[in-house]
Amino acid sequence: MDCVYLLHFSRPINPSRPAQHYLGWSSDLDERLRKHRKGTGSRLCAVALERGITFVLAEVWAGDRSLESRLKRQHNSRKFCPICNRLQAAKASELAVAKTGGN
């Protein structure tokens, strides 16, 4: 089945750029993930592996390369990442509690 997938890295690949995601397409997701984990799937994942940065599969959508292209053109993978959105919501809650003094 063709799918578009989003990988979330445990930390940014490059400290000067906040990118923490890889968006890709595959007709065999399991095999593609195996390649990414071995460092042979994409250059970005290979660099992450070299730097000891781990990643998890954050999201999967049924779709083809045209969906992958549409999502990539937005240059905002964070928006589609449930991990980042959960972390952002938790930080907002912590700030709200801090502002009210925990009441």
C-alpha atoms as a PDB file:
ATOM      1  CA  MET A   1       0.000   0.000   0.000  1.00  0.00           C
ATOM      2  CA  ASP A   2       1.317   3.438  -0.905  1.00  0.00           C
ATOM      3  CA  CYS A   3       1.704   5.746   2.052  1.00  0.00           C
ATOM      4  CA  VAL A   4       3.247   9.010   3.120  1.00  0.00           C
ATOM      5  CA  TYR A   5       4.971   8.939   6.493  1.00  0.00           C
ATOM      6  CA  LEU A   6       6.488  11.357   8.966  1.00  0.00           C
ATOM      7  CA  LEU A   7       9.529  10.563  11.096  1.00  0.00           C
ATOM      8  CA  HIS A   8      10.178  12.576  14.263  1.00  0.00           C
ATOM      9  CA  PHE A   9      13.816  12.894  15.381  1.00  0.00           C
ATOM     10  CA  SER A  10      14.672  12.965  19.096  1.00  0.00           C
ATOM     11  CA  ARG A  11      16.501  16.264  18.582  1.00  0.00           C
ATOM     12  CA  PRO A  12      17.334  18.572  15.652  1.00  0.00           C
ATOM     13  CA  ILE A  13      19.839  17.148  13.169  1.00  0.00           C
ATOM     14  CA  ASN A  14      21.581  20.513  12.857  1.00  0.00           C
ATOM     15  CA  PRO A  15      21.726  22.838  15.898  1.00  0.00           C
ATOM     16  CA  SER A  16      21.423  25.915  13.663  1.00  0.00           C
ATOM     17  CA  ARG A  17      18.185  24.662  12.059  1.00  0.00           C
ATOM     18  CA  PRO A  18      15.200  23.418  14.036  1.00  0.00           C
ATOM     19  CA  ALA A  19      14.233  20.621  11.599  1.00  0.00           C
ATOM     20  CA  GLN A  20      13.271  17.488  13.493  1.00  0.00           C
ATOM     21  CA  HIS A  21      11.303  15.628  10.820  1.00  0.00           C
ATOM     22  CA  TYR A  22      11.584  13.590   7.670  1.00  0.00           C
ATOM     23  CA  LEU A  23       8.596  13.301   5.354  1.00  0.00           C
ATOM     24  CA  GLY A  24       8.656  10.475   2.839  1.00  0.00           C
ATOM     25  CA  TRP A  25       6.642   8.192   0.588  1.00  0.00           C
ATOM     26  CA  SER A  26       6.819   4.425   0.204  1.00  0.00           C
ATOM     27  CA  SER A  27       4.954   1.491  -1.267  1.00  0.00           C
ATOM     28  CA  ASP A  28       6.489  -0.755   1.435  1.00  0.00           C
ATOM     29  CA  LEU A  29       6.716   1.159   4.710  1.00  0.00           C
ATOM     30  CA  ASP A  30       8.255  -1.647   6.767  1.00  0.00           C
ATOM     31  CA  GLU A  31      11.112  -2.080   4.297  1.00  0.00           C
ATOM     32  CA  ARG A  32      11.626   1.671   3.999  1.00  0.00           C
ATOM     33  CA  LEU A  33      11.842   2.040   7.789  1.00  0.00           C
ATOM     34  CA  ARG A  34      14.380  -0.807   7.922  1.00  0.00           C
ATOM     35  CA  LYS A  35      16.505   1.071   5.394  1.00  0.00           C
ATOM     36  CA  HIS A  36      16.231   4.325   7.350  1.00  0.00           C
ATOM     37  CA  ARG A  37      17.292   2.540  10.554  1.00  0.00           C
ATOM     38  CA  LYS A  38      20.318   1.034   8.764  1.00  0.00           C
ATOM     39  CA  GLY A  39      21.300   4.433   7.359  1.00  0.00           C
ATOM     40  CA  THR A  40      20.591   3.502   3.741  1.00  0.00           C
ATOM     41  CA  GLY A  41      17.106   5.007   3.346  1.00  0.00           C
ATOM     42  CA  SER A  42      17.753   8.740   3.103  1.00  0.00           C
ATOM     43  CA  ARG A  43      20.741  10.987   3.648  1.00  0.00           C
ATOM     44  CA  LEU A  44      18.987  12.838   6.478  1.00  0.00           C
ATOM     45  CA  CYS A  45      18.325   9.616   8.398  1.00  0.00           C
ATOM     46  CA  ALA A  46      21.895   8.460   7.749  1.00  0.00           C
ATOM     47  CA  VAL A  47      23.234  11.707   9.242  1.00  0.00           C
ATOM     48  CA  ALA A  48      20.899  11.314  12.226  1.00  0.00           C
ATOM     49  CA  LEU A  49      22.200   7.785  12.756  1.00  0.00           C
ATOM     50  CA  GLU A  50      25.818   8.996  12.546  1.00  0.00           C
ATOM     51  CA  ARG A  51      25.064  11.630  15.205  1.00  0.00           C
ATOM     52  CA  GLY A  52      23.280   9.222  17.540  1.00  0.00           C
ATOM     53  CA  ILE A  53      19.894  10.831  16.948  1.00  0.00           C
ATOM     54  CA  THR A  54      16.968   8.441  17.157  1.00  0.00           C
ATOM     55  CA  PHE A  55      13.643   8.718  15.385  1.00  0.00           C
ATOM     56  CA  VAL A  56      10.143   7.325  15.635  1.00  0.00           C
ATOM     57  CA  LEU A  57       7.359   6.931  13.128  1.00  0.00           C
ATOM     58  CA  ALA A  58       5.065   9.811  14.083  1.00  0.00           C
ATOM     59  CA  GLU A  59       2.322   9.628  11.448  1.00  0.00           C
ATOM     60  CA  VAL A  60       1.216   7.684   8.377  1.00  0.00           C
ATOM     61  CA  TRP A  61      -1.278   8.713   5.695  1.00  0.00           C
ATOM     62  CA  ALA A  62      -2.620   6.652   2.799  1.00  0.00           C
ATOM     63  CA  GLY A  63      -1.352   8.480  -0.263  1.00  0.00           C
ATOM     64  CA  ASP A  64       1.062   8.695  -3.135  1.00  0.00           C
ATOM     65  CA  ARG A  65       3.946  10.928  -4.156  1.00  0.00           C
ATOM     66  CA  SER A  66       1.594  13.787  -4.986  1.00  0.00           C
ATOM     67  CA  LEU A  67       0.447  13.902  -1.341  1.00  0.00           C
ATOM     68  CA  GLU A  68       4.077  13.784  -0.222  1.00  0.00           C
ATOM     69  CA  SER A  69       4.851  16.719  -2.523  1.00  0.00           C
ATOM     70  CA  ARG A  70       1.866  18.744  -1.295  1.00  0.00           C
ATOM     71  CA  LEU A  71       2.893  18.237   2.326  1.00  0.00           C
ATOM     72  CA  LYS A  72       6.569  19.002   1.653  1.00  0.00           C
ATOM     73  CA  ARG A  73       5.679  22.230  -0.178  1.00  0.00           C
ATOM     74  CA  GLN A  74       4.195  23.548   3.062  1.00  0.00           C
ATOM     75  CA  HIS A  75       7.647  23.433   4.739  1.00  0.00           C
ATOM     76  CA  ASN A  76       5.990  22.827   8.098  1.00  0.00           C
ATOM     77  CA  SER A  77       6.196  19.154   9.074  1.00  0.00           C
ATOM     78  CA  ARG A  78       5.899  20.157  12.732  1.00  0.00           C
ATOM     79  CA  LYS A  79       2.280  21.106  12.052  1.00  0.00           C
ATOM     80  CA  PHE A  80       1.524  17.496  11.051  1.00  0.00           C
ATOM     81  CA  CYS A  81       3.494  15.897  13.889  1.00  0.00           C
ATOM     82  CA  PRO A  82       1.358  14.571  16.760  1.00  0.00           C
ATOM     83  CA  ILE A  83       4.466  14.344  18.965  1.00  0.00           C
ATOM     84  CA  CYS A  84       5.339  18.028  18.531  1.00  0.00           C
ATOM     85  CA  ASN A  85       1.720  19.070  18.964  1.00  0.00           C
ATOM     86  CA  ARG A  86       1.437  17.087  22.200  1.00  0.00           C
ATOM     87  CA  LEU A  87       4.672  18.616  23.517  1.00  0.00           C
ATOM     88  CA  GLN A  88       3.533  22.100  22.541  1.00  0.00           C
ATOM     89  CA  ALA A  89       0.189  21.616  24.344  1.00  0.00           C
ATOM     90  CA  ALA A  90       1.983  20.371  27.476  1.00  0.00           C
ATOM     91  CA  LYS A  91       4.307  23.396  27.487  1.00  0.00           C
ATOM     92  CA  ALA A  92       1.330  25.756  27.107  1.00  0.00           C
ATOM     93  CA  SER A  93      -0.362  24.076  30.089  1.00  0.00           C
ATOM     94  CA  GLU A  94       2.775  24.426  32.196  1.00  0.00           C
ATOM     95  CA  LEU A  95       2.997  28.125  31.325  1.00  0.00           C
ATOM     96  CA  ALA A  96      -0.655  28.671  32.221  1.00  0.00           C
ATOM     97  CA  VAL A  97      -0.156  26.968  35.603  1.00  0.00           C
ATOM     98  CA  ALA A  98       2.995  29.011  36.247  1.00  0.00           C
ATOM     99  CA  LYS A  99       1.182  32.269  35.428  1.00  0.00           C
ATOM    100  CA  THR A 100      -1.667  31.488  37.835  1.00  0.00           C
ATOM    101  CA  GLY A 101       0.679  30.350  40.573  1.00  0.00           C
ATOM    102  CA  GLY A 102      -0.527  26.754  40.349  1.00  0.00           C
ATOM    103  CA  ASN A 103      -4.123  27.534  41.326  1.00  0.00           C
END
